[in-house]
Protein backbone atom coordinates (compact mmCIF):
# COMPACT_ATOMS: atom_id res chain seq x y z
CA MET A 1 24.87 10.73 -9.53
CA SER A 2 22.50 11.50 -12.37
CA THR A 3 19.87 9.05 -13.61
CA SER A 4 21.86 8.46 -16.80
CA GLU A 5 24.93 7.46 -14.75
CA ARG A 6 23.07 4.87 -12.67
CA GLU A 7 23.36 1.21 -13.50
CA ARG A 8 20.33 -0.36 -15.10
CA VAL A 9 18.96 -3.55 -13.54
CA ARG A 10 16.62 -6.03 -15.23
CA VAL A 11 13.67 -7.59 -13.37
CA GLU A 12 15.32 -11.00 -13.86
CA GLU A 13 18.27 -9.83 -11.74
CA LEU A 14 16.16 -9.00 -8.66
CA VAL A 15 16.52 -11.17 -5.59
CA TRP A 16 13.14 -12.29 -4.24
CA ASP A 17 12.64 -13.79 -0.79
CA GLU A 18 11.41 -17.36 -0.19
CA ARG A 19 7.79 -16.13 -0.57
CA GLY A 20 8.53 -14.49 -3.91
CA LEU A 21 8.42 -10.98 -2.43
CA ILE A 22 10.74 -7.98 -2.45
CA PRO A 23 10.53 -5.03 0.00
CA ALA A 24 9.50 -1.75 -1.60
CA ILE A 25 10.20 1.52 0.21
CA VAL A 26 7.84 4.17 -1.16
CA GLN A 27 9.23 7.71 -1.01
CA ASP A 28 7.80 11.09 -2.05
CA ALA A 29 9.87 12.09 -5.09
CA GLU A 30 9.67 15.79 -4.26
CA SER A 31 10.05 15.99 -0.48
CA GLY A 32 12.12 12.84 0.06
CA GLU A 33 9.78 11.76 2.86
CA VAL A 34 9.48 8.00 3.30
CA LEU A 35 5.78 7.23 2.94
CA MET A 36 5.58 3.50 3.50
CA LEU A 37 7.27 0.13 3.40
CA ALA A 38 5.41 -2.60 1.58
CA TYR A 39 6.13 -5.66 -0.54
CA MET A 40 5.80 -6.49 -4.21
CA ASP A 41 5.60 -9.83 -5.92
CA ARG A 42 6.51 -10.16 -9.61
CA ARG A 43 2.97 -9.40 -10.77
CA ALA A 44 2.73 -6.27 -8.59
CA LEU A 45 6.02 -5.03 -10.04
CA GLU A 46 4.88 -5.81 -13.59
CA LEU A 47 1.61 -3.92 -13.08
CA SER A 48 3.45 -1.00 -11.48
CA LEU A 49 5.81 -0.77 -14.45
CA GLU A 50 3.00 -1.16 -17.00
CA GLN A 51 0.51 1.25 -15.41
CA GLY A 52 2.84 3.79 -13.78
CA GLU A 53 1.05 3.55 -10.43
CA VAL A 54 1.99 1.56 -7.35
CA TRP A 55 0.72 -2.03 -7.03
CA LEU A 56 1.67 -4.10 -4.01
CA TRP A 57 1.28 -7.53 -2.47
CA SER A 58 -0.70 -7.59 0.76
CA ARG A 59 0.86 -10.17 3.05
CA SER A 60 -2.13 -10.03 5.42
CA ARG A 61 -4.73 -10.53 2.68
CA GLY A 62 -2.55 -12.68 0.45
CA ALA A 63 -3.58 -10.63 -2.58
CA LEU A 64 -2.50 -7.97 -5.03
CA TRP A 65 -3.70 -4.44 -4.39
CA HIS A 66 -3.56 -1.22 -6.32
CA LYS A 67 -2.50 1.48 -3.85
CA GLY A 68 -5.39 3.92 -3.51
CA SER A 69 -7.95 1.79 -5.34
CA THR A 70 -10.56 2.37 -2.63
CA SER A 71 -9.36 5.67 -1.11
CA GLY A 72 -8.35 7.42 -4.32
CA HIS A 73 -4.91 8.06 -2.79
CA THR A 74 -2.93 6.62 -5.66
CA GLN A 75 0.81 6.98 -6.11
CA THR A 76 2.19 7.85 -9.54
CA ILE A 77 5.63 6.34 -10.09
CA CYS A 78 8.50 8.61 -11.13
CA GLU A 79 11.27 6.05 -10.87
CA ILE A 80 12.07 2.70 -9.30
CA ARG A 81 15.57 2.23 -7.91
CA VAL A 82 17.21 -1.04 -6.89
CA ASP A 83 19.59 -1.37 -3.93
CA CYS A 84 23.15 -2.65 -4.31
CA ASP A 85 22.18 -6.28 -3.51
CA ALA A 86 19.13 -6.17 -5.82
CA ASP A 87 16.94 -7.34 -2.93
CA ALA A 88 15.03 -4.12 -2.15
CA LEU A 89 13.29 -1.42 -4.18
CA LEU A 90 12.97 2.31 -3.67
CA VAL A 91 9.83 3.56 -5.41
CA LEU A 92 9.84 7.33 -5.97
CA VAL A 93 6.30 8.61 -6.33
CA HIS A 94 4.02 11.61 -6.59
CA PRO A 95 1.35 10.74 -4.01
CA LYS A 96 -2.26 11.76 -4.45
CA GLY A 97 -3.24 12.07 -0.80
CA PRO A 98 -1.99 10.33 2.33
CA ALA A 99 -0.11 7.03 2.12
CA CYS A 100 -1.23 5.50 5.42
CA HIS A 101 -4.54 3.73 5.93
CA THR A 102 -4.94 5.84 9.12
CA GLY A 103 -5.08 9.01 7.01
CA ALA A 104 -1.55 10.10 7.97
CA ARG A 105 0.66 11.38 5.15
CA SER A 106 3.29 8.75 5.97
CA CYS A 107 3.01 5.39 7.71
CA PHE A 108 6.03 6.49 9.80
CA PHE A 109 4.27 8.98 12.07
CA ARG A 110 5.05 7.27 15.39
CA THR A 111 8.26 7.39 17.45
CA LEU A 112 9.58 4.38 19.35
CA ASP A 113 9.52 5.01 23.08
CA LYS A 114 12.81 4.45 24.89
C-alpha cells in the first residue's frame, strides 16, 4: 500500500493510556530494523511533528526528552504511522548513530533464554 493510499489519522483520534501516553515503536526507515520501544505524551508528539526529530516521554524520569540530545544520536523522522486501533505509533526514522543507551544500534540486541 502506498503512502497516498493509507488512511490519515488526526492527533485527536489517538487513544492514549490512563497516564496520557502512547507506545512508539521506532524503526529504521531504510533497513526496517526495530530500534527501540518508547512512549510519547501529547507534547512529545507535538514536538516530534514540529521539529522532525524524535521526542519522547521518559517514564523513569517523568520528563520529556529529545532523543540524542546528550549523545548526538538523534533520529530524523520520515513518517509516523498509526496502528489499526490508534493506540500505538510506528515512527520511521533515519538514525544518526546507535539508538540504545548502551551504544548498541538497537535496544533489541538480547535474546530471551529458554
